[in-house]
Amino acid sequence: MVKARKLAVVGSRSVGKSSMIVRFVEDYFVESYYPTIENQFSKNLIYKNQEYEIEILDTAGQDEFSMINEKHLIGIHGYVLVYSVTSRQSFEVVEIIRDKILNSVGSENIPMILIGNKSDLNYQRQVEYSQGEELAKKFNCKFLEASVKDNLNITKSFEMLIDKIELIQNPVAEKDEKCIIM
């Protein structure tokens, strides 16, 4: 049975959201930057012996003043929160975006993963790995640094989010260890 999962990729402008999605879906690196208005991508994926039909919403870049579009909330199973390791501002805005999502949905239990993109641009780094880890701990979510250009941790990012979604959608029941006397 194929499971349909709808994901949204959110973050500031020019952090590499569209490039990340294109790399995951089409295994291609988009060098040039065109501001995204909004786009949707689909990919079938077999992960852990389960087939998934993944729909990915590529959102326009958000800032601290932009409203979260209702389309970014309805029917979304999980979120990829993306910032650029070369932009302190994008790192700070990702927390605001997350808070807006949580406030709009009205739940803390939303599958999310935090991605520090552009790790290949280490010489331009403004956000340290440890700061990303710390923020992910605060968010209670997984964290990875990624490089779309080098295809580093792109697929892994989406797979980790699917793991988180499955944990929430289909929790593993704990076995009752009972003693039986005959």
N, C-alpha and C. Protein backbone atom coordinates (compact mmCIF):
# COMPACT_ATOMS: atom_id res chain seq x y z
N MET A 1 0.83 -1.18 0.00
CA MET A 1 0.00 0.00 0.00
C MET A 1 0.88 1.26 0.00
N VAL A 2 0.60 2.17 -0.89
CA VAL A 2 1.37 3.40 -1.01
C VAL A 2 0.85 4.41 0.02
N LYS A 3 1.77 5.02 0.75
CA LYS A 3 1.39 6.06 1.71
C LYS A 3 1.66 7.42 1.08
N ALA A 4 0.67 8.29 1.12
CA ALA A 4 0.83 9.65 0.62
C ALA A 4 1.29 10.53 1.77
N ARG A 5 2.32 11.30 1.52
CA ARG A 5 2.84 12.23 2.53
C ARG A 5 3.06 13.59 1.88
N LYS A 6 2.55 14.62 2.54
CA LYS A 6 2.69 15.97 2.02
C LYS A 6 3.65 16.73 2.94
N LEU A 7 4.70 17.28 2.35
CA LEU A 7 5.73 17.98 3.10
C LEU A 7 5.81 19.43 2.63
N ALA A 8 6.24 20.31 3.51
CA ALA A 8 6.46 21.71 3.13
C ALA A 8 7.89 22.08 3.51
N VAL A 9 8.56 22.79 2.61
CA VAL A 9 9.92 23.27 2.86
C VAL A 9 9.81 24.78 3.08
N VAL A 10 10.22 25.23 4.27
CA VAL A 10 10.07 26.62 4.64
C VAL A 10 11.40 27.21 5.10
N GLY A 11 11.52 28.53 4.98
CA GLY A 11 12.73 29.23 5.39
C GLY A 11 12.79 30.59 4.73
N SER A 12 13.82 31.35 5.05
CA SER A 12 14.02 32.69 4.48
C SER A 12 14.29 32.61 2.98
N ARG A 13 14.35 33.78 2.37
CA ARG A 13 14.70 33.86 0.95
C ARG A 13 16.14 33.41 0.75
N SER A 14 16.38 32.78 -0.38
CA SER A 14 17.70 32.34 -0.85
C SER A 14 18.52 31.48 0.12
N VAL A 15 17.83 30.59 0.84
CA VAL A 15 18.56 29.62 1.67
C VAL A 15 18.75 28.30 0.93
N GLY A 16 18.11 28.16 -0.25
CA GLY A 16 18.28 26.95 -1.04
C GLY A 16 17.12 25.97 -0.96
N LYS A 17 15.94 26.45 -0.62
CA LYS A 17 14.77 25.56 -0.51
C LYS A 17 14.46 24.89 -1.85
N SER A 18 14.32 25.68 -2.90
CA SER A 18 13.98 25.13 -4.22
C SER A 18 15.09 24.21 -4.73
N SER A 19 16.33 24.64 -4.57
CA SER A 19 17.46 23.81 -5.01
C SER A 19 17.48 22.47 -4.28
N MET A 20 17.15 22.52 -3.00
CA MET A 20 17.12 21.30 -2.19
C MET A 20 16.06 20.33 -2.71
N ILE A 21 14.89 20.86 -3.03
CA ILE A 21 13.80 20.02 -3.53
C ILE A 21 14.14 19.46 -4.90
N VAL A 22 14.66 20.30 -5.78
CA VAL A 22 15.02 19.84 -7.13
C VAL A 22 16.10 18.76 -7.04
N ARG A 23 17.06 18.94 -6.14
CA ARG A 23 18.11 17.93 -5.96
C ARG A 23 17.50 16.60 -5.49
N PHE A 24 16.56 16.67 -4.57
CA PHE A 24 15.92 15.46 -4.05
C PHE A 24 15.05 14.78 -5.10
N VAL A 25 14.24 15.56 -5.80
CA VAL A 25 13.26 14.99 -6.73
C VAL A 25 13.90 14.60 -8.06
N GLU A 26 14.77 15.47 -8.59
CA GLU A 26 15.31 15.26 -9.93
C GLU A 26 16.81 14.98 -9.96
N ASP A 27 17.46 14.98 -8.79
CA ASP A 27 18.90 14.77 -8.66
C ASP A 27 19.69 15.71 -9.57
N TYR A 28 19.37 16.98 -9.47
CA TYR A 28 19.98 18.00 -10.31
C TYR A 28 20.25 19.23 -9.45
N PHE A 29 21.41 19.87 -9.65
CA PHE A 29 21.74 21.07 -8.89
C PHE A 29 21.40 22.31 -9.70
N VAL A 30 20.52 23.15 -9.15
CA VAL A 30 20.14 24.41 -9.79
C VAL A 30 21.11 25.48 -9.31
N GLU A 31 21.92 25.98 -10.23
CA GLU A 31 22.95 26.96 -9.90
C GLU A 31 22.38 28.37 -9.72
N SER A 32 21.47 28.76 -10.62
CA SER A 32 20.96 30.13 -10.62
C SER A 32 19.80 30.29 -9.63
N TYR A 33 19.56 31.51 -9.23
CA TYR A 33 18.51 31.80 -8.26
C TYR A 33 17.38 32.60 -8.90
N TYR A 34 16.19 32.04 -8.84
CA TYR A 34 14.97 32.74 -9.24
C TYR A 34 14.05 32.68 -8.04
N PRO A 35 13.60 33.84 -7.55
CA PRO A 35 12.71 33.81 -6.39
C PRO A 35 11.47 32.94 -6.65
N THR A 36 11.16 32.08 -5.71
CA THR A 36 10.02 31.18 -5.85
C THR A 36 8.77 31.90 -5.37
N ILE A 37 7.71 31.74 -6.15
CA ILE A 37 6.42 32.24 -5.69
C ILE A 37 5.79 31.10 -4.89
N GLU A 38 5.60 29.99 -5.51
CA GLU A 38 5.19 28.75 -4.85
C GLU A 38 5.18 27.68 -5.90
N ASN A 39 5.59 26.49 -5.52
CA ASN A 39 5.70 25.41 -6.47
C ASN A 39 5.41 24.10 -5.76
N GLN A 40 5.05 23.08 -6.52
CA GLN A 40 4.80 21.78 -5.94
C GLN A 40 5.54 20.72 -6.72
N PHE A 41 6.13 19.77 -6.01
CA PHE A 41 6.88 18.69 -6.62
C PHE A 41 6.35 17.36 -6.09
N SER A 42 6.51 16.31 -6.89
CA SER A 42 6.10 14.97 -6.45
C SER A 42 7.23 14.00 -6.69
N LYS A 43 7.30 13.01 -5.82
CA LYS A 43 8.30 11.96 -5.98
C LYS A 43 7.78 10.70 -5.31
N ASN A 44 7.97 9.57 -5.99
CA ASN A 44 7.70 8.29 -5.37
C ASN A 44 9.01 7.78 -4.80
N LEU A 45 8.93 7.26 -3.59
CA LEU A 45 10.13 6.85 -2.88
C LEU A 45 9.85 5.54 -2.15
N ILE A 46 10.78 4.62 -2.24
CA ILE A 46 10.68 3.40 -1.42
C ILE A 46 11.69 3.58 -0.30
N TYR A 47 11.19 3.59 0.92
CA TYR A 47 12.02 3.81 2.09
C TYR A 47 11.60 2.82 3.17
N LYS A 48 12.55 2.07 3.68
CA LYS A 48 12.29 1.04 4.70
C LYS A 48 11.17 0.10 4.25
N ASN A 49 11.28 -0.38 3.01
CA ASN A 49 10.33 -1.33 2.41
C ASN A 49 8.90 -0.80 2.32
N GLN A 50 8.74 0.49 2.35
CA GLN A 50 7.42 1.10 2.24
C GLN A 50 7.47 2.08 1.07
N GLU A 51 6.43 2.04 0.22
CA GLU A 51 6.38 2.98 -0.88
C GLU A 51 5.62 4.23 -0.45
N TYR A 52 6.22 5.38 -0.75
CA TYR A 52 5.63 6.67 -0.41
C TYR A 52 5.42 7.48 -1.68
N GLU A 53 4.30 8.15 -1.73
CA GLU A 53 4.04 9.15 -2.76
C GLU A 53 4.17 10.49 -2.05
N ILE A 54 5.28 11.17 -2.32
CA ILE A 54 5.59 12.39 -1.59
C ILE A 54 5.26 13.61 -2.43
N GLU A 55 4.51 14.51 -1.83
CA GLU A 55 4.20 15.79 -2.46
C GLU A 55 4.92 16.85 -1.63
N ILE A 56 5.72 17.67 -2.29
CA ILE A 56 6.51 18.67 -1.58
C ILE A 56 6.08 20.06 -2.01
N LEU A 57 5.70 20.86 -1.04
CA LEU A 57 5.33 22.24 -1.29
C LEU A 57 6.56 23.11 -1.12
N ASP A 58 6.97 23.75 -2.20
CA ASP A 58 8.11 24.68 -2.19
C ASP A 58 7.53 26.07 -1.96
N THR A 59 7.77 26.60 -0.78
CA THR A 59 7.16 27.86 -0.40
C THR A 59 8.03 29.04 -0.82
N ALA A 60 7.41 30.19 -0.97
CA ALA A 60 8.15 31.43 -1.19
C ALA A 60 8.92 31.74 0.09
N GLY A 61 10.04 32.41 -0.04
CA GLY A 61 10.84 32.75 1.13
C GLY A 61 10.04 33.57 2.14
N GLN A 62 10.16 33.20 3.40
CA GLN A 62 9.45 33.91 4.45
C GLN A 62 10.41 34.84 5.19
N ASP A 63 9.84 35.85 5.83
CA ASP A 63 10.61 36.67 6.74
C ASP A 63 9.78 36.84 8.01
N GLU A 64 10.32 37.61 8.95
CA GLU A 64 9.61 37.72 10.23
C GLU A 64 8.27 38.42 10.12
N PHE A 65 8.03 39.14 9.00
CA PHE A 65 6.80 39.89 8.85
C PHE A 65 5.76 39.18 7.98
N SER A 66 6.18 38.18 7.20
CA SER A 66 5.24 37.53 6.28
C SER A 66 4.30 36.60 7.05
N MET A 67 3.11 36.52 6.54
CA MET A 67 2.11 35.63 7.13
C MET A 67 2.33 34.23 6.60
N ILE A 68 1.96 33.24 7.40
CA ILE A 68 2.01 31.86 6.93
C ILE A 68 0.73 31.61 6.13
N ASN A 69 0.89 31.22 4.89
CA ASN A 69 -0.23 30.93 4.00
C ASN A 69 -0.94 29.67 4.51
N GLU A 70 -2.27 29.71 4.52
CA GLU A 70 -3.04 28.54 4.97
C GLU A 70 -2.69 27.28 4.19
N LYS A 71 -2.32 27.44 2.92
CA LYS A 71 -1.94 26.28 2.10
C LYS A 71 -0.70 25.60 2.67
N HIS A 72 0.10 26.32 3.46
CA HIS A 72 1.30 25.76 4.05
C HIS A 72 0.96 24.95 5.30
N LEU A 73 -0.30 24.93 5.68
CA LEU A 73 -0.70 24.27 6.92
C LEU A 73 -1.67 23.11 6.70
N ILE A 74 -2.56 23.24 5.73
CA ILE A 74 -3.61 22.25 5.54
C ILE A 74 -3.06 20.98 4.89
N GLY A 75 -3.24 19.88 5.58
CA GLY A 75 -2.85 18.58 5.03
C GLY A 75 -1.36 18.30 5.02
N ILE A 76 -0.55 19.18 5.61
CA ILE A 76 0.90 18.97 5.64
C ILE A 76 1.23 17.99 6.77
N HIS A 77 2.00 16.96 6.42
CA HIS A 77 2.40 15.96 7.41
C HIS A 77 3.68 16.34 8.14
N GLY A 78 4.55 17.13 7.49
CA GLY A 78 5.81 17.50 8.12
C GLY A 78 6.48 18.66 7.42
N TYR A 79 7.41 19.30 8.14
CA TYR A 79 8.08 20.50 7.65
C TYR A 79 9.60 20.34 7.66
N VAL A 80 10.23 20.82 6.60
CA VAL A 80 11.67 20.95 6.55
C VAL A 80 11.95 22.44 6.78
N LEU A 81 12.57 22.76 7.92
CA LEU A 81 12.92 24.14 8.25
C LEU A 81 14.35 24.37 7.77
N VAL A 82 14.53 25.29 6.83
CA VAL A 82 15.85 25.48 6.22
C VAL A 82 16.39 26.88 6.50
N TYR A 83 17.66 26.91 6.91
CA TYR A 83 18.39 28.18 6.98
C TYR A 83 19.71 27.97 6.26
N SER A 84 20.40 29.05 5.97
CA SER A 84 21.71 28.97 5.34
C SER A 84 22.78 29.19 6.39
N VAL A 85 23.81 28.34 6.41
CA VAL A 85 24.90 28.52 7.37
C VAL A 85 25.69 29.80 7.08
N THR A 86 25.44 30.40 5.90
CA THR A 86 26.13 31.65 5.53
C THR A 86 25.29 32.89 5.86
N SER A 87 24.16 32.69 6.54
CA SER A 87 23.28 33.83 6.85
C SER A 87 22.74 33.74 8.27
N ARG A 88 23.27 34.57 9.14
CA ARG A 88 22.81 34.63 10.53
C ARG A 88 21.32 35.01 10.56
N GLN A 89 20.91 35.91 9.67
CA GLN A 89 19.53 36.38 9.63
C GLN A 89 18.57 35.22 9.32
N SER A 90 18.93 34.35 8.37
CA SER A 90 18.05 33.23 8.01
C SER A 90 17.93 32.25 9.18
N PHE A 91 18.99 32.13 9.97
CA PHE A 91 18.99 31.27 11.16
C PHE A 91 18.04 31.81 12.20
N GLU A 92 18.05 33.13 12.39
CA GLU A 92 17.17 33.75 13.38
C GLU A 92 15.71 33.71 12.95
N VAL A 93 15.45 33.85 11.66
CA VAL A 93 14.08 33.86 11.14
C VAL A 93 13.44 32.47 11.21
N VAL A 94 14.25 31.41 11.13
CA VAL A 94 13.68 30.06 11.12
C VAL A 94 12.89 29.77 12.41
N GLU A 95 13.31 30.36 13.52
CA GLU A 95 12.58 30.18 14.78
C GLU A 95 11.23 30.89 14.73
N ILE A 96 11.19 32.05 14.13
CA ILE A 96 9.95 32.81 13.98
C ILE A 96 8.98 32.03 13.07
N ILE A 97 9.50 31.49 11.98
CA ILE A 97 8.67 30.70 11.05
C ILE A 97 8.09 29.48 11.77
N ARG A 98 8.92 28.79 12.52
CA ARG A 98 8.45 27.61 13.27
C ARG A 98 7.35 28.01 14.26
N ASP A 99 7.55 29.09 14.99
CA ASP A 99 6.54 29.55 15.95
C ASP A 99 5.22 29.88 15.26
N LYS A 100 5.29 30.51 14.09
CA LYS A 100 4.07 30.84 13.34
C LYS A 100 3.33 29.56 12.94
N ILE A 101 4.07 28.55 12.52
CA ILE A 101 3.44 27.27 12.13
C ILE A 101 2.77 26.64 13.34
N LEU A 102 3.50 26.56 14.46
CA LEU A 102 2.94 25.95 15.67
C LEU A 102 1.71 26.71 16.16
N ASN A 103 1.76 28.03 16.15
CA ASN A 103 0.61 28.85 16.58
C ASN A 103 -0.59 28.65 15.67
N SER A 104 -0.35 28.56 14.36
CA SER A 104 -1.45 28.40 13.41
C SER A 104 -2.08 27.02 13.50
N VAL A 105 -1.24 25.99 13.68
CA VAL A 105 -1.74 24.62 13.75
C VAL A 105 -2.31 24.32 15.14
N GLY A 106 -1.75 24.96 16.14
CA GLY A 106 -2.24 24.78 17.51
C GLY A 106 -1.75 23.50 18.15
N SER A 107 -0.57 23.03 17.73
CA SER A 107 -0.01 21.81 18.30
C SER A 107 1.51 21.91 18.33
N GLU A 108 2.11 21.29 19.33
CA GLU A 108 3.57 21.23 19.42
C GLU A 108 4.10 19.97 18.74
N ASN A 109 3.21 19.02 18.50
CA ASN A 109 3.62 17.69 18.01
C ASN A 109 3.55 17.62 16.49
N ILE A 110 4.31 18.47 15.82
CA ILE A 110 4.34 18.50 14.36
C ILE A 110 5.71 18.01 13.90
N PRO A 111 5.74 17.02 13.02
CA PRO A 111 7.04 16.53 12.54
C PRO A 111 7.80 17.63 11.80
N MET A 112 9.03 17.88 12.27
CA MET A 112 9.88 18.90 11.66
C MET A 112 11.32 18.41 11.69
N ILE A 113 12.11 18.93 10.76
CA ILE A 113 13.55 18.70 10.77
C ILE A 113 14.19 20.03 10.45
N LEU A 114 15.31 20.33 11.12
CA LEU A 114 16.04 21.58 10.91
C LEU A 114 17.26 21.30 10.04
N ILE A 115 17.39 22.06 8.96
CA ILE A 115 18.50 21.87 8.02
C ILE A 115 19.30 23.16 7.89
N GLY A 116 20.60 23.05 8.13
CA GLY A 116 21.53 24.15 7.87
C GLY A 116 22.12 23.89 6.49
N ASN A 117 21.64 24.60 5.49
CA ASN A 117 22.07 24.37 4.11
C ASN A 117 23.33 25.18 3.78
N LYS A 118 23.95 24.84 2.67
CA LYS A 118 25.14 25.50 2.12
C LYS A 118 26.39 25.23 2.96
N SER A 119 26.48 24.03 3.53
CA SER A 119 27.65 23.68 4.34
C SER A 119 28.94 23.64 3.51
N ASP A 120 28.82 23.59 2.19
CA ASP A 120 30.01 23.62 1.33
C ASP A 120 30.66 25.01 1.31
N LEU A 121 29.94 26.02 1.76
CA LEU A 121 30.47 27.39 1.77
C LEU A 121 31.03 27.74 3.15
N ASN A 122 31.87 26.87 3.67
CA ASN A 122 32.41 26.99 5.02
C ASN A 122 33.14 28.31 5.24
N TYR A 123 33.81 28.82 4.22
CA TYR A 123 34.57 30.08 4.34
C TYR A 123 33.65 31.29 4.51
N GLN A 124 32.33 31.13 4.22
CA GLN A 124 31.36 32.22 4.40
C GLN A 124 30.46 31.99 5.62
N ARG A 125 30.78 30.99 6.40
CA ARG A 125 29.93 30.55 7.51
C ARG A 125 29.69 31.66 8.54
N GLN A 126 28.40 31.83 8.89
CA GLN A 126 28.01 32.76 9.96
C GLN A 126 27.30 32.04 11.10
N VAL A 127 26.93 30.77 10.87
CA VAL A 127 26.23 29.98 11.89
C VAL A 127 27.02 28.68 12.08
N GLU A 128 27.46 28.45 13.31
CA GLU A 128 28.24 27.25 13.61
C GLU A 128 27.33 26.02 13.72
N TYR A 129 27.90 24.86 13.46
CA TYR A 129 27.18 23.59 13.54
C TYR A 129 26.53 23.44 14.92
N SER A 130 27.30 23.76 15.97
CA SER A 130 26.80 23.60 17.34
C SER A 130 25.57 24.48 17.60
N GLN A 131 25.48 25.64 16.93
CA GLN A 131 24.32 26.51 17.09
C GLN A 131 23.08 25.88 16.45
N GLY A 132 23.26 25.22 15.32
CA GLY A 132 22.17 24.49 14.68
C GLY A 132 21.69 23.35 15.56
N GLU A 133 22.65 22.61 16.12
CA GLU A 133 22.31 21.50 17.03
C GLU A 133 21.51 22.01 18.24
N GLU A 134 21.97 23.12 18.79
CA GLU A 134 21.32 23.71 19.96
C GLU A 134 19.87 24.11 19.66
N LEU A 135 19.68 24.75 18.49
CA LEU A 135 18.34 25.17 18.10
C LEU A 135 17.43 23.96 17.87
N ALA A 136 17.97 22.91 17.25
CA ALA A 136 17.19 21.69 17.02
C ALA A 136 16.77 21.05 18.35
N LYS A 137 17.66 21.09 19.32
CA LYS A 137 17.34 20.56 20.66
C LYS A 137 16.19 21.35 21.26
N LYS A 138 16.25 22.66 21.11
CA LYS A 138 15.19 23.54 21.61
C LYS A 138 13.87 23.22 20.90
N PHE A 139 13.94 22.94 19.60
CA PHE A 139 12.75 22.60 18.81
C PHE A 139 12.30 21.16 19.04
N ASN A 140 13.15 20.35 19.68
CA ASN A 140 12.90 18.92 19.86
C ASN A 140 12.74 18.23 18.49
N CYS A 141 13.70 18.50 17.61
CA CYS A 141 13.67 17.88 16.29
C CYS A 141 15.08 17.48 15.87
N LYS A 142 15.19 16.73 14.80
CA LYS A 142 16.48 16.31 14.26
C LYS A 142 17.12 17.47 13.51
N PHE A 143 18.46 17.40 13.39
CA PHE A 143 19.22 18.44 12.73
C PHE A 143 20.28 17.84 11.82
N LEU A 144 20.43 18.44 10.66
CA LEU A 144 21.50 18.08 9.74
C LEU A 144 22.02 19.33 9.07
N GLU A 145 23.30 19.33 8.74
CA GLU A 145 23.80 20.32 7.81
C GLU A 145 23.83 19.64 6.46
N ALA A 146 23.55 20.41 5.43
CA ALA A 146 23.43 19.85 4.09
C ALA A 146 24.12 20.76 3.07
N SER A 147 24.42 20.16 1.94
CA SER A 147 24.93 20.92 0.80
C SER A 147 24.22 20.40 -0.44
N VAL A 148 23.40 21.25 -1.02
CA VAL A 148 22.70 20.87 -2.25
C VAL A 148 23.72 20.67 -3.35
N LYS A 149 24.69 21.56 -3.42
CA LYS A 149 25.72 21.49 -4.47
C LYS A 149 26.46 20.15 -4.43
N ASP A 150 26.87 19.72 -3.23
CA ASP A 150 27.61 18.47 -3.07
C ASP A 150 26.70 17.26 -2.87
N ASN A 151 25.39 17.47 -2.89
CA ASN A 151 24.39 16.43 -2.64
C ASN A 151 24.66 15.73 -1.30
N LEU A 152 24.92 16.51 -0.29
CA LEU A 152 25.22 16.01 1.04
C LEU A 152 23.98 16.12 1.94
N ASN A 153 23.50 14.99 2.42
CA ASN A 153 22.37 14.91 3.37
C ASN A 153 21.04 15.40 2.82
N ILE A 154 20.87 15.48 1.51
CA ILE A 154 19.61 15.94 0.94
C ILE A 154 18.55 14.85 1.09
N THR A 155 18.81 13.68 0.53
CA THR A 155 17.86 12.57 0.66
C THR A 155 17.66 12.20 2.12
N LYS A 156 18.75 12.18 2.87
CA LYS A 156 18.69 11.83 4.29
C LYS A 156 17.75 12.78 5.05
N SER A 157 17.75 14.06 4.67
CA SER A 157 16.87 15.04 5.32
C SER A 157 15.41 14.64 5.19
N PHE A 158 15.01 14.31 3.95
CA PHE A 158 13.62 13.94 3.71
C PHE A 158 13.28 12.60 4.36
N GLU A 159 14.23 11.66 4.35
CA GLU A 159 13.99 10.36 4.98
C GLU A 159 13.83 10.51 6.49
N MET A 160 14.64 11.38 7.11
CA MET A 160 14.51 11.60 8.55
C MET A 160 13.15 12.22 8.89
N LEU A 161 12.67 13.08 8.02
CA LEU A 161 11.34 13.68 8.25
C LEU A 161 10.26 12.62 8.11
N ILE A 162 10.39 11.74 7.14
CA ILE A 162 9.41 10.65 6.98
C ILE A 162 9.42 9.76 8.22
N ASP A 163 10.61 9.47 8.76
CA ASP A 163 10.70 8.69 10.01
C ASP A 163 9.91 9.36 11.12
N LYS A 164 10.08 10.67 11.26
CA LYS A 164 9.40 11.43 12.32
C LYS A 164 7.88 11.41 12.10
N ILE A 165 7.45 11.55 10.85
CA ILE A 165 6.02 11.50 10.53
C ILE A 165 5.45 10.14 10.90
N GLU A 166 6.16 9.08 10.52
CA GLU A 166 5.68 7.72 10.79
C GLU A 166 5.60 7.45 12.30
N LEU A 167 6.55 7.99 13.05
CA LEU A 167 6.52 7.83 14.50
C LEU A 167 5.26 8.42 15.11
N ILE A 168 4.85 9.57 14.57
CA ILE A 168 3.67 10.25 15.10
C ILE A 168 2.38 9.64 14.53
N GLN A 169 2.38 9.32 13.23
CA GLN A 169 1.18 8.76 12.59
C GLN A 169 0.90 7.31 13.02
N ASN A 170 1.97 6.55 13.18
CA ASN A 170 1.84 5.12 13.51
C ASN A 170 2.76 4.77 14.68
N PRO A 171 2.43 5.23 15.88
CA PRO A 171 3.32 4.94 17.02
C PRO A 171 3.41 3.44 17.29
N VAL A 172 4.59 3.02 17.68
CA VAL A 172 4.81 1.61 18.00
C VAL A 172 4.27 1.37 19.40
N ALA A 173 3.36 0.41 19.50
CA ALA A 173 2.77 0.10 20.80
C ALA A 173 3.79 -0.65 21.66
N GLU A 174 3.88 -0.24 22.92
CA GLU A 174 4.80 -0.92 23.82
C GLU A 174 4.21 -2.26 24.22
N LYS A 175 5.09 -3.26 24.28
CA LYS A 175 4.62 -4.60 24.66
C LYS A 175 4.45 -4.66 26.17
N ASP A 176 3.33 -5.24 26.57
CA ASP A 176 3.11 -5.44 28.01
C ASP A 176 3.81 -6.72 28.41
N GLU A 177 4.75 -6.58 29.30
CA GLU A 177 5.45 -7.75 29.85
C GLU A 177 4.66 -8.20 31.08
N LYS A 178 3.94 -9.29 30.92
CA LYS A 178 3.14 -9.77 32.05
C LYS A 178 3.59 -11.16 32.44
N CYS A 179 3.53 -11.40 33.67
CA CYS A 179 3.91 -12.70 34.21
C CYS A 179 2.64 -13.57 34.25
N ILE A 180 2.74 -14.77 33.71
CA ILE A 180 1.60 -15.68 33.72
C ILE A 180 1.95 -16.88 34.59
N ILE A 181 1.11 -17.14 35.59
CA ILE A 181 1.33 -18.27 36.48
C ILE A 181 0.29 -19.33 36.16
N MET A 182 0.76 -20.54 35.94
CA MET A 182 -0.17 -21.63 35.63
C MET A 182 -0.13 -22.70 36.68
